[in-house]
Amino acid sequence: MLATESDWPAGLFDDLDRTGPVPMYFQIATRIESAIRSGAVPTGSRLENEVAIGQRIGLSRPTVRRAIQELVDKGLVVRRRGVGTQVVQGQFTRQVELTSLYEDLAGAQLAPSTRVLALETISADDDTATTLGIQPGSGVVHLRRLRLSDDAAIAVLENHLPAEFDDLTADELEQRGLYQALRARGVAIRVATQRIGAREATADEASLLEIAVGAPVLTAHRVAFDASGRAIELGQHAYRSDRYSVETTLVAR
């Protein structure tokens, strides 16, 4: 769906102040952002190219390009080769609770989907074995998935689980979250330790998340335990920092 003249909200650019102190690119970006957040320009819409937008409102292509880049930086639109500039949902803010990203996205009606990149049984290295309480070299299930929201990549998820969960299937993991799949097997995750950090994206992560190599990504290192205190999952995840944030509530002592 292409957002053409008839699709822009009426009067969207009518009140541009062409002589005031507020930069034109900022005014344009602000108006388009408001239209996206209100749903007037819906998720999945493709914006006209920068030349067409500039001609429509009487501004130069560099000005429009900078305005669009503001929206890209906020995670509201993405530039896709062969598709153009497409509207996506804004940054997803997640409460620090013991839930899966899939469930949180689904609860927020952000259309989660999953691409399974790896599903295999491998030998546990020393660190993984220590975390899961097994012998080094023992078999563990290794999962690697790309999580998307409204078809826009948001996270690369890597997990290690005890070998007893080798019956997990790619189809199952594409249809539901990992914790849902574990609950279906009688596993109740009761507590987890989690460490949030940041680093530069690797070349592989950059390709999957459609960002530049070395761009910042948020990271989460999680170990989840069942009701008996047994470690069930080791998760090491990388998130697009412009599409994902973590929110906590702090209480004074």
C-alpha atoms as a PDB file:
ATOM      1  CA  MET A   1       0.000   0.000   0.000  1.00  0.00           C
ATOM      2  CA  LEU A   2       1.514   3.304  -1.095  1.00  0.00           C
ATOM      3  CA  ALA A   3       0.784   6.454   0.904  1.00  0.00           C
ATOM      4  CA  THR A   4      -0.049   8.838  -1.924  1.00  0.00           C
ATOM      5  CA  GLU A   5      -1.589  12.301  -1.814  1.00  0.00           C
ATOM      6  CA  SER A   6      -5.084  10.965  -1.144  1.00  0.00           C
ATOM      7  CA  ASP A   7      -3.758   8.826   1.728  1.00  0.00           C
ATOM      8  CA  TRP A   8      -2.058  11.619   3.681  1.00  0.00           C
ATOM      9  CA  PRO A   9      -4.308  13.079   6.403  1.00  0.00           C
ATOM     10  CA  ALA A  10      -6.038  16.210   5.154  1.00  0.00           C
ATOM     11  CA  GLY A  11      -3.942  19.317   5.731  1.00  0.00           C
ATOM     12  CA  LEU A  12      -0.937  17.374   7.027  1.00  0.00           C
ATOM     13  CA  PHE A  13       1.568  19.842   5.589  1.00  0.00           C
ATOM     14  CA  ASP A  14      -0.662  22.920   5.314  1.00  0.00           C
ATOM     15  CA  ASP A  15       0.706  24.715   8.365  1.00  0.00           C
ATOM     16  CA  LEU A  16       4.427  24.378   7.669  1.00  0.00           C
ATOM     17  CA  ASP A  17       6.199  27.498   8.918  1.00  0.00           C
ATOM     18  CA  ARG A  18       8.621  28.287   6.108  1.00  0.00           C
ATOM     19  CA  THR A  19      10.053  31.441   7.736  1.00  0.00           C
ATOM     20  CA  GLY A  20      10.271  30.501  11.413  1.00  0.00           C
ATOM     21  CA  PRO A  21      13.198  29.103  13.433  1.00  0.00           C
ATOM     22  CA  VAL A  22      12.057  25.435  13.441  1.00  0.00           C
ATOM     23  CA  PRO A  23      13.895  23.512  10.681  1.00  0.00           C
ATOM     24  CA  MET A  24      11.696  22.315   7.836  1.00  0.00           C
ATOM     25  CA  TYR A  25      12.947  18.730   8.054  1.00  0.00           C
ATOM     26  CA  PHE A  26      11.902  18.622  11.722  1.00  0.00           C
ATOM     27  CA  GLN A  27       8.438  19.973  10.937  1.00  0.00           C
ATOM     28  CA  ILE A  28       7.944  17.371   8.204  1.00  0.00           C
ATOM     29  CA  ALA A  29       9.203  14.519  10.384  1.00  0.00           C
ATOM     30  CA  THR A  30       6.983  15.586  13.280  1.00  0.00           C
ATOM     31  CA  ARG A  31       3.865  15.668  11.116  1.00  0.00           C
ATOM     32  CA  ILE A  32       4.510  12.295   9.521  1.00  0.00           C
ATOM     33  CA  GLU A  33       5.324  10.807  12.946  1.00  0.00           C
ATOM     34  CA  SER A  34       2.002  12.046  14.319  1.00  0.00           C
ATOM     35  CA  ALA A  35       0.164  10.548  11.345  1.00  0.00           C
ATOM     36  CA  ILE A  36       1.873   7.191  11.871  1.00  0.00           C
ATOM     37  CA  ARG A  37       1.299   7.061  15.632  1.00  0.00           C
ATOM     38  CA  SER A  38      -2.373   8.000  15.219  1.00  0.00           C
ATOM     39  CA  GLY A  39      -2.872   5.288  12.613  1.00  0.00           C
ATOM     40  CA  ALA A  40      -3.769   7.786   9.885  1.00  0.00           C
ATOM     41  CA  VAL A  41      -0.824   6.342   7.952  1.00  0.00           C
ATOM     42  CA  PRO A  42      -1.045   2.653   8.926  1.00  0.00           C
ATOM     43  CA  THR A  43       1.675   0.104   9.510  1.00  0.00           C
ATOM     44  CA  GLY A  44       2.743  -1.459   6.215  1.00  0.00           C
ATOM     45  CA  SER A  45       2.171   1.689   4.161  1.00  0.00           C
ATOM     46  CA  ARG A  46       4.919   2.652   1.734  1.00  0.00           C
ATOM     47  CA  LEU A  47       5.816   6.323   1.598  1.00  0.00           C
ATOM     48  CA  GLU A  48       6.330   8.041  -1.715  1.00  0.00           C
ATOM     49  CA  ASN A  49       9.946   8.578  -2.696  1.00  0.00           C
ATOM     50  CA  GLU A  50      11.718  11.677  -1.442  1.00  0.00           C
ATOM     51  CA  VAL A  51      11.555  13.471  -4.799  1.00  0.00           C
ATOM     52  CA  ALA A  52       7.775  13.028  -5.027  1.00  0.00           C
ATOM     53  CA  ILE A  53       7.228  14.194  -1.452  1.00  0.00           C
ATOM     54  CA  GLY A  54       9.476  17.204  -2.014  1.00  0.00           C
ATOM     55  CA  GLN A  55       7.634  18.199  -5.177  1.00  0.00           C
ATOM     56  CA  ARG A  56       4.291  17.795  -3.427  1.00  0.00           C
ATOM     57  CA  ILE A  57       5.157  20.244  -0.626  1.00  0.00           C
ATOM     58  CA  GLY A  58       7.661  22.421  -2.464  1.00  0.00           C
ATOM     59  CA  LEU A  59      10.858  21.424  -0.640  1.00  0.00           C
ATOM     60  CA  SER A  60      14.228  20.041  -1.691  1.00  0.00           C
ATOM     61  CA  ARG A  61      15.067  16.366  -1.713  1.00  0.00           C
ATOM     62  CA  PRO A  62      17.856  16.756   0.944  1.00  0.00           C
ATOM     63  CA  THR A  63      15.334  18.338   3.321  1.00  0.00           C
ATOM     64  CA  VAL A  64      12.867  15.492   2.830  1.00  0.00           C
ATOM     65  CA  ARG A  65      15.658  12.904   3.082  1.00  0.00           C
ATOM     66  CA  ARG A  66      16.705  14.275   6.469  1.00  0.00           C
ATOM     67  CA  ALA A  67      13.084  14.217   7.651  1.00  0.00           C
ATOM     68  CA  ILE A  68      12.717  10.571   6.630  1.00  0.00           C
ATOM     69  CA  GLN A  69      15.998   9.733   8.357  1.00  0.00           C
ATOM     70  CA  GLU A  70      14.542  11.132  11.589  1.00  0.00           C
ATOM     71  CA  LEU A  71      11.713   8.613  11.257  1.00  0.00           C
ATOM     72  CA  VAL A  72      14.165   5.803  10.470  1.00  0.00           C
ATOM     73  CA  ASP A  73      16.194   6.675  13.583  1.00  0.00           C
ATOM     74  CA  LYS A  74      13.035   6.429  15.704  1.00  0.00           C
ATOM     75  CA  GLY A  75      12.168   3.030  14.242  1.00  0.00           C
ATOM     76  CA  LEU A  76       8.932   4.282  12.686  1.00  0.00           C
ATOM     77  CA  VAL A  77       9.908   3.527   9.085  1.00  0.00           C
ATOM     78  CA  VAL A  78      12.486   1.325   7.416  1.00  0.00           C
ATOM     79  CA  ARG A  79      14.181   1.592   4.049  1.00  0.00           C
ATOM     80  CA  ARG A  80      14.078  -1.726   2.212  1.00  0.00           C
ATOM     81  CA  ARG A  81      15.775  -2.463  -1.064  1.00  0.00           C
ATOM     82  CA  GLY A  82      13.203  -3.139  -3.747  1.00  0.00           C
ATOM     83  CA  VAL A  83      10.351  -2.017  -1.477  1.00  0.00           C
ATOM     84  CA  GLY A  84      11.113   1.592  -0.583  1.00  0.00           C
ATOM     85  CA  THR A  85      10.350   3.355   2.681  1.00  0.00           C
ATOM     86  CA  GLN A  86       7.796   1.405   4.700  1.00  0.00           C
ATOM     87  CA  VAL A  87       5.967   2.248   7.914  1.00  0.00           C
ATOM     88  CA  VAL A  88       6.572  -0.103  10.851  1.00  0.00           C
ATOM     89  CA  GLN A  89       5.586   0.062  14.483  1.00  0.00           C
ATOM     90  CA  GLY A  90       7.641   2.325  16.724  1.00  0.00           C
ATOM     91  CA  GLN A  91       9.996   1.193  19.455  1.00  0.00           C
ATOM     92  CA  PHE A  92       8.583  -1.602  21.611  1.00  0.00           C
ATOM     93  CA  THR A  93       9.053  -0.990  25.339  1.00  0.00           C
ATOM     94  CA  ARG A  94       9.018  -4.137  27.430  1.00  0.00           C
ATOM     95  CA  GLN A  95       8.360  -4.417  31.155  1.00  0.00           C
ATOM     96  CA  VAL A  96      10.889  -6.503  33.081  1.00  0.00           C
ATOM     97  CA  GLU A  97       8.709  -9.529  33.738  1.00  0.00           C
ATOM     98  CA  LEU A  98       9.133 -13.271  33.319  1.00  0.00           C
ATOM     99  CA  THR A  99       7.440 -13.510  29.933  1.00  0.00           C
ATOM    100  CA  SER A 100       8.608 -14.277  26.425  1.00  0.00           C
ATOM    101  CA  LEU A 101       9.100 -11.604  23.784  1.00  0.00           C
ATOM    102  CA  TYR A 102       6.609 -13.426  21.552  1.00  0.00           C
ATOM    103  CA  GLU A 103       3.898 -13.237  24.216  1.00  0.00           C
ATOM    104  CA  ASP A 104       4.618  -9.563  24.924  1.00  0.00           C
ATOM    105  CA  LEU A 105       4.425  -8.622  21.248  1.00  0.00           C
ATOM    106  CA  ALA A 106       1.245 -10.639  20.768  1.00  0.00           C
ATOM    107  CA  GLY A 107      -0.293  -9.009  23.842  1.00  0.00           C
ATOM    108  CA  ALA A 108       0.483  -5.585  22.400  1.00  0.00           C
ATOM    109  CA  GLN A 109      -1.070  -6.659  19.065  1.00  0.00           C
ATOM    110  CA  LEU A 110       2.234  -6.134  17.253  1.00  0.00           C
ATOM    111  CA  ALA A 111       1.955  -9.214  15.019  1.00  0.00           C
ATOM    112  CA  PRO A 112       4.975 -11.287  16.122  1.00  0.00           C
ATOM    113  CA  SER A 113       6.509 -13.787  13.748  1.00  0.00           C
ATOM    114  CA  THR A 114       9.581 -15.999  13.899  1.00  0.00           C
ATOM    115  CA  ARG A 115      12.168 -17.292  11.469  1.00  0.00           C
ATOM    116  CA  VAL A 116      14.033 -20.339  12.810  1.00  0.00           C
ATOM    117  CA  LEU A 117      17.708 -20.033  11.886  1.00  0.00           C
ATOM    118  CA  ALA A 118      19.034 -23.070  13.763  1.00  0.00           C
ATOM    119  CA  LEU A 119      17.498 -26.009  15.628  1.00  0.00           C
ATOM    120  CA  GLU A 120      20.029 -28.689  16.498  1.00  0.00           C
ATOM    121  CA  THR A 121      21.533 -30.802  19.233  1.00  0.00           C
ATOM    122  CA  ILE A 122      25.156 -29.919  19.962  1.00  0.00           C
ATOM    123  CA  SER A 123      27.763 -30.624  22.630  1.00  0.00           C
ATOM    124  CA  ALA A 124      27.682 -28.223  25.565  1.00  0.00           C
ATOM    125  CA  ASP A 125      30.782 -26.113  26.070  1.00  0.00           C
ATOM    126  CA  ASP A 126      32.063 -25.498  29.596  1.00  0.00           C
ATOM    127  CA  ASP A 127      30.118 -22.290  30.208  1.00  0.00           C
ATOM    128  CA  THR A 128      26.827 -23.689  28.918  1.00  0.00           C
ATOM    129  CA  ALA A 129      27.281 -26.895  30.865  1.00  0.00           C
ATOM    130  CA  THR A 130      28.000 -25.004  34.096  1.00  0.00           C
ATOM    131  CA  THR A 131      24.933 -22.787  33.596  1.00  0.00           C
ATOM    132  CA  LEU A 132      22.585 -25.708  32.879  1.00  0.00           C
ATOM    133  CA  GLY A 133      24.120 -27.964  35.540  1.00  0.00           C
ATOM    134  CA  ILE A 134      25.219 -30.715  33.179  1.00  0.00           C
ATOM    135  CA  GLN A 135      28.513 -32.315  32.205  1.00  0.00           C
ATOM    136  CA  PRO A 136      30.646 -30.565  29.560  1.00  0.00           C
ATOM    137  CA  GLY A 137      30.197 -32.289  26.227  1.00  0.00           C
ATOM    138  CA  SER A 138      26.658 -33.400  27.046  1.00  0.00           C
ATOM    139  CA  GLY A 139      24.030 -32.844  24.394  1.00  0.00           C
ATOM    140  CA  VAL A 140      22.039 -29.599  24.495  1.00  0.00           C
ATOM    141  CA  VAL A 141      19.393 -28.197  22.198  1.00  0.00           C
ATOM    142  CA  HIS A 142      20.613 -25.075  20.416  1.00  0.00           C
ATOM    143  CA  LEU A 143      18.016 -22.659  19.025  1.00  0.00           C
ATOM    144  CA  ARG A 144      18.630 -19.510  17.013  1.00  0.00           C
ATOM    145  CA  ARG A 145      15.682 -17.440  15.842  1.00  0.00           C
ATOM    146  CA  LEU A 146      14.932 -14.111  14.249  1.00  0.00           C
ATOM    147  CA  ARG A 147      11.954 -12.417  15.906  1.00  0.00           C
ATOM    148  CA  LEU A 148       9.952  -9.925  13.854  1.00  0.00           C
ATOM    149  CA  SER A 149       7.114  -7.540  14.615  1.00  0.00           C
ATOM    150  CA  ASP A 150       4.840  -6.545  11.742  1.00  0.00           C
ATOM    151  CA  ASP A 151       7.453  -8.152   9.438  1.00  0.00           C
ATOM    152  CA  ALA A 152      10.225  -5.860  10.764  1.00  0.00           C
ATOM    153  CA  ALA A 153      13.203  -7.557  12.445  1.00  0.00           C
ATOM    154  CA  ILE A 154      13.503  -6.773  16.132  1.00  0.00           C
ATOM    155  CA  ALA A 155      15.771  -9.392  17.742  1.00  0.00           C
ATOM    156  CA  VAL A 156      18.125 -12.308  17.216  1.00  0.00           C
ATOM    157  CA  LEU A 157      17.423 -14.905  19.912  1.00  0.00           C
ATOM    158  CA  GLU A 158      19.842 -17.681  20.823  1.00  0.00           C
ATOM    159  CA  ASN A 159      18.957 -20.335  23.404  1.00  0.00           C
ATOM    160  CA  HIS A 160      20.393 -23.511  24.881  1.00  0.00           C
ATOM    161  CA  LEU A 161      18.165 -26.070  26.626  1.00  0.00           C
ATOM    162  CA  PRO A 162      18.618 -29.559  28.112  1.00  0.00           C
ATOM    163  CA  ALA A 163      18.654 -32.352  25.542  1.00  0.00           C
ATOM    164  CA  GLU A 164      15.240 -33.660  26.643  1.00  0.00           C
ATOM    165  CA  PHE A 165      13.661 -30.868  24.617  1.00  0.00           C
ATOM    166  CA  ASP A 166      15.000 -32.184  21.321  1.00  0.00           C
ATOM    167  CA  ASP A 167      11.412 -32.797  20.211  1.00  0.00           C
ATOM    168  CA  LEU A 168      10.919 -29.071  19.589  1.00  0.00           C
ATOM    169  CA  THR A 169      10.150 -28.422  15.924  1.00  0.00           C
ATOM    170  CA  ALA A 170      10.725 -25.410  13.695  1.00  0.00           C
ATOM    171  CA  ASP A 171       7.000 -25.250  12.882  1.00  0.00           C
ATOM    172  CA  GLU A 172       6.145 -25.118  16.578  1.00  0.00           C
ATOM    173  CA  LEU A 173       8.657 -22.358  17.261  1.00  0.00           C
ATOM    174  CA  GLU A 174       7.344 -20.326  14.348  1.00  0.00           C
ATOM    175  CA  GLN A 175       3.786 -20.528  15.701  1.00  0.00           C
ATOM    176  CA  ARG A 176       4.393 -19.765  19.382  1.00  0.00           C
ATOM    177  CA  GLY A 177       6.964 -18.511  21.863  1.00  0.00           C
ATOM    178  CA  LEU A 178       9.548 -20.787  23.464  1.00  0.00           C
ATOM    179  CA  TYR A 179       7.973 -20.499  26.919  1.00  0.00           C
ATOM    180  CA  GLN A 180       4.611 -21.516  25.466  1.00  0.00           C
ATOM    181  CA  ALA A 181       6.259 -24.577  23.930  1.00  0.00           C
ATOM    182  CA  LEU A 182       7.861 -25.453  27.260  1.00  0.00           C
ATOM    183  CA  ARG A 183       4.570 -25.044  29.130  1.00  0.00           C
ATOM    184  CA  ALA A 184       2.980 -27.453  26.651  1.00  0.00           C
ATOM    185  CA  ARG A 185       5.556 -29.985  27.867  1.00  0.00           C
ATOM    186  CA  GLY A 186       4.651 -29.455  31.514  1.00  0.00           C
ATOM    187  CA  VAL A 187       7.494 -27.061  32.323  1.00  0.00           C
ATOM    188  CA  ALA A 188       6.668 -24.042  34.479  1.00  0.00           C
ATOM    189  CA  ILE A 189       9.307 -21.311  34.457  1.00  0.00           C
ATOM    190  CA  ARG A 190       9.268 -19.772  37.942  1.00  0.00           C
ATOM    191  CA  VAL A 191      12.285 -17.490  38.212  1.00  0.00           C
ATOM    192  CA  ALA A 192      15.066 -16.163  36.025  1.00  0.00           C
ATOM    193  CA  THR A 193      18.198 -14.078  36.320  1.00  0.00           C
ATOM    194  CA  GLN A 194      18.764 -11.548  33.566  1.00  0.00           C
ATOM    195  CA  ARG A 195      21.544  -9.140  32.680  1.00  0.00           C
ATOM    196  CA  ILE A 196      20.922  -6.290  30.201  1.00  0.00           C
ATOM    197  CA  GLY A 197      23.827  -4.795  28.282  1.00  0.00           C
ATOM    198  CA  ALA A 198      24.863  -3.289  24.975  1.00  0.00           C
ATOM    199  CA  ARG A 199      27.493  -3.883  22.325  1.00  0.00           C
ATOM    200  CA  GLU A 200      28.184  -3.506  18.622  1.00  0.00           C
ATOM    201  CA  ALA A 201      26.295  -5.707  16.170  1.00  0.00           C
ATOM    202  CA  THR A 202      28.242  -8.462  14.445  1.00  0.00           C
ATOM    203  CA  ALA A 203      28.158  -8.735  10.663  1.00  0.00           C
ATOM    204  CA  ASP A 204      25.654 -11.601  10.855  1.00  0.00           C
ATOM    205  CA  GLU A 205      23.402  -9.768  13.315  1.00  0.00           C
ATOM    206  CA  ALA A 206      23.575  -6.609  11.217  1.00  0.00           C
ATOM    207  CA  SER A 207      22.423  -8.524   8.142  1.00  0.00           C
ATOM    208  CA  LEU A 208      19.529 -10.163  10.001  1.00  0.00           C
ATOM    209  CA  LEU A 209      18.404  -6.996  11.793  1.00  0.00           C
ATOM    210  CA  GLU A 210      18.917  -4.758   8.740  1.00  0.00           C
ATOM    211  CA  ILE A 211      21.306  -2.383  10.492  1.00  0.00           C
ATOM    212  CA  ALA A 212      24.897  -1.323   9.907  1.00  0.00           C
ATOM    213  CA  VAL A 213      27.751  -3.520  11.091  1.00  0.00           C
ATOM    214  CA  GLY A 214      28.864  -2.127  14.422  1.00  0.00           C
ATOM    215  CA  ALA A 215      25.540  -0.403  15.128  1.00  0.00           C
ATOM    216  CA  PRO A 216      24.479  -0.607  18.798  1.00  0.00           C
ATOM    217  CA  VAL A 217      22.329  -3.512  19.926  1.00  0.00           C
ATOM    218  CA  LEU A 218      20.825  -4.157  23.336  1.00  0.00           C
ATOM    219  CA  THR A 219      21.700  -7.543  24.791  1.00  0.00           C
ATOM    220  CA  ALA A 220      20.038  -9.799  27.334  1.00  0.00           C
ATOM    221  CA  HIS A 221      21.644 -12.782  29.058  1.00  0.00           C
ATOM    222  CA  ARG A 222      18.966 -14.854  30.801  1.00  0.00           C
ATOM    223  CA  VAL A 223      18.966 -18.069  32.793  1.00  0.00           C
ATOM    224  CA  ALA A 224      15.487 -19.430  33.595  1.00  0.00           C
ATOM    225  CA  PHE A 225      14.658 -22.016  36.263  1.00  0.00           C
ATOM    226  CA  ASP A 226      11.664 -24.276  36.832  1.00  0.00           C
ATOM    227  CA  ALA A 227       9.764 -24.790  40.109  1.00  0.00           C
ATOM    228  CA  SER A 228      12.393 -27.248  41.372  1.00  0.00           C
ATOM    229  CA  GLY A 229      15.211 -24.762  40.811  1.00  0.00           C
ATOM    230  CA  ARG A 230      16.607 -26.585  37.794  1.00  0.00           C
ATOM    231  CA  ALA A 231      18.062 -24.424  35.018  1.00  0.00           C
ATOM    232  CA  ILE A 232      15.902 -24.935  31.941  1.00  0.00           C
ATOM    233  CA  GLU A 233      17.026 -22.231  29.524  1.00  0.00           C
ATOM    234  CA  LEU A 234      20.087 -20.162  28.764  1.00  0.00           C
ATOM    235  CA  GLY A 235      19.196 -17.237  26.509  1.00  0.00           C
ATOM    236  CA  GLN A 236      21.576 -14.798  24.818  1.00  0.00           C
ATOM    237  CA  HIS A 237      19.690 -12.232  22.774  1.00  0.00           C
ATOM    238  CA  ALA A 238      20.476  -9.141  20.688  1.00  0.00           C
ATOM    239  CA  TYR A 239      17.847  -6.458  20.007  1.00  0.00           C
ATOM    240  CA  ARG A 240      17.665  -3.508  17.632  1.00  0.00           C
ATOM    241  CA  SER A 241      18.095  -0.556  19.978  1.00  0.00           C
ATOM    242  CA  ASP A 242      15.811   1.670  17.900  1.00  0.00           C
ATOM    243  CA  ARG A 243      12.941  -0.844  18.130  1.00  0.00           C
ATOM    244  CA  TYR A 244      13.304  -2.237  21.623  1.00  0.00           C
ATOM    245  CA  SER A 245      13.783  -0.911  25.146  1.00  0.00           C
ATOM    246  CA  VAL A 246      13.405  -2.232  28.672  1.00  0.00           C
ATOM    247  CA  GLU A 247      11.399  -0.476  31.353  1.00  0.00           C
ATOM    248  CA  THR A 248      11.787  -1.026  35.105  1.00  0.00           C
ATOM    249  CA  THR A 249      10.095   0.414  38.169  1.00  0.00           C
ATOM    250  CA  LEU A 250      12.483   1.620  40.878  1.00  0.00           C
ATOM    251  CA  VAL A 251      11.343   1.874  44.489  1.00  0.00           C
ATOM    252  CA  ALA A 252      13.211   3.764  47.203  1.00  0.00           C
ATOM    253  CA  ARG A 253      14.269   1.815  50.263  1.00  0.00           C
END
